């Protein structure tokens, strides 16, 4: 859970300790990333539906490029979250940010 969601500073957030807690945290990560990807997709669709928007051509292109980049980044985050869960479930590889003394 992120600092914003928990209301706690990052160093005060307790790391998952059991397999069940780690799996649940990884599944929540997938869900959060999927929601961000869906939102980014909806934004790109809305921008594309706005064409022609009446904005000067370079601004319209820039909006589309920025939205497409945001969607690509969000999709990449979803794939990374799925990979982290798969590595944990298949090989019991605990992500570094869940290990004691790992990155915060």
Protein backbone atom coordinates (compact mmCIF):
# COMPACT_ATOMS: atom_id res chain seq x y z
CA UNK A 1 0.00 0.00 0.00
CA UNK A 2 1.38 3.39 -0.91
CA UNK A 3 2.05 6.31 1.40
CA UNK A 4 -0.94 8.23 0.03
CA UNK A 5 -3.37 5.36 0.59
CA UNK A 6 -2.19 4.41 4.06
CA UNK A 7 -1.74 7.89 5.48
CA UNK A 8 1.64 6.76 6.86
CA UNK A 9 5.14 7.81 5.88
CA UNK A 10 6.86 5.30 3.61
CA UNK A 11 9.26 4.18 6.33
CA UNK A 12 6.33 3.58 8.74
CA UNK A 13 4.48 1.18 6.40
CA UNK A 14 4.87 -2.42 7.57
CA UNK A 15 6.21 -4.77 4.94
CA UNK A 16 4.33 -8.02 4.24
CA UNK A 17 5.90 -10.93 6.11
CA UNK A 18 4.05 -14.09 5.17
CA UNK A 19 3.58 -15.67 1.75
CA UNK A 20 -0.11 -14.85 1.94
CA UNK A 21 0.59 -11.17 2.72
CA UNK A 22 3.15 -10.89 -0.07
CA UNK A 23 0.79 -12.52 -2.58
CA UNK A 24 -2.05 -10.21 -1.52
CA UNK A 25 0.21 -7.15 -1.83
CA UNK A 26 1.33 -8.23 -5.31
CA UNK A 27 -2.29 -8.79 -6.36
CA UNK A 28 -3.21 -5.31 -5.07
CA UNK A 29 -0.31 -3.94 -7.10
CA UNK A 30 -1.69 -5.60 -10.24
CA UNK A 31 -5.13 -4.19 -9.55
CA UNK A 32 -3.80 -0.66 -9.00
CA UNK A 33 -1.68 -0.82 -12.16
CA UNK A 34 -4.61 -2.18 -14.17
CA UNK A 35 -6.83 0.68 -12.99
CA UNK A 36 -4.14 3.21 -14.03
CA UNK A 37 -3.81 1.54 -17.44
CA UNK A 38 -7.58 1.59 -17.92
CA UNK A 39 -7.72 5.28 -16.99
CA UNK A 40 -4.87 6.07 -19.38
CA UNK A 41 -6.63 4.13 -22.14
CA UNK A 42 -9.89 6.01 -21.54
CA UNK A 43 -8.02 9.31 -21.69
CA UNK A 44 -6.37 8.44 -25.00
CA UNK A 45 -9.72 7.33 -26.44
CA UNK A 46 -11.28 10.62 -25.32
CA UNK A 47 -8.47 12.65 -26.89
CA UNK A 48 -8.69 10.68 -30.14
CA UNK A 49 -12.45 11.23 -30.17
CA UNK A 50 -11.81 14.95 -29.89
CA UNK A 51 -10.18 15.11 -33.33
CA UNK A 52 -10.45 17.59 -34.86
CA UNK A 53 -10.45 19.47 -31.58
CA UNK A 54 -9.85 22.94 -32.87
CA UNK A 55 -6.49 23.04 -31.14
CA UNK A 56 -3.57 24.09 -33.29
CA UNK A 57 -2.08 21.02 -34.97
CA UNK A 58 1.13 20.75 -32.91
CA UNK A 59 -0.83 20.94 -29.62
CA UNK A 60 -3.26 18.25 -30.74
CA UNK A 61 -0.38 15.97 -31.75
CA UNK A 62 1.40 16.61 -28.47
CA UNK A 63 -1.72 15.71 -26.45
CA UNK A 64 -2.04 12.44 -28.36
CA UNK A 65 1.66 11.63 -27.94
CA UNK A 66 1.58 12.39 -24.21
CA UNK A 67 -1.54 10.26 -23.69
CA UNK A 68 -0.03 7.40 -25.73
CA UNK A 69 3.19 7.55 -23.67
CA UNK A 70 1.19 7.51 -20.43
CA UNK A 71 -0.75 4.47 -21.67
CA UNK A 72 2.44 2.66 -22.70
CA UNK A 73 4.01 3.34 -19.29
CA UNK A 74 0.87 2.15 -17.49
CA UNK A 75 0.76 -1.05 -19.55
CA UNK A 76 4.43 -1.64 -18.82
CA UNK A 77 3.68 -1.30 -15.10
CA UNK A 78 0.89 -3.89 -15.43
CA UNK A 79 3.25 -6.33 -17.14
CA UNK A 80 5.91 -5.77 -14.48
CA UNK A 81 3.36 -6.31 -11.69
CA UNK A 82 2.23 -9.57 -13.32
CA UNK A 83 5.87 -10.68 -13.67
CA UNK A 84 6.54 -9.96 -10.00
CA UNK A 85 3.52 -12.04 -8.93
CA UNK A 86 4.40 -14.85 -11.35
CA UNK A 87 7.99 -15.00 -10.07
CA UNK A 88 6.71 -15.19 -6.51
CA UNK A 89 4.07 -17.84 -7.18
CA UNK A 90 6.15 -20.01 -9.51
CA UNK A 91 9.59 -19.70 -7.95
CA UNK A 92 9.05 -18.16 -4.51
CA UNK A 93 11.19 -15.18 -5.52
CA UNK A 94 10.35 -12.46 -3.01
CA UNK A 95 10.54 -9.00 -4.60
CA UNK A 96 13.33 -6.92 -3.08
CA UNK A 97 10.96 -4.30 -1.74
CA UNK A 98 9.28 -6.98 0.44
CA UNK A 99 12.49 -8.43 1.88
CA UNK A 100 13.65 -7.33 5.30
CA UNK A 101 16.15 -4.54 4.77
CA UNK A 102 15.14 -4.30 1.10
CA UNK A 103 14.46 -1.04 -0.72
CA UNK A 104 11.71 1.12 0.74
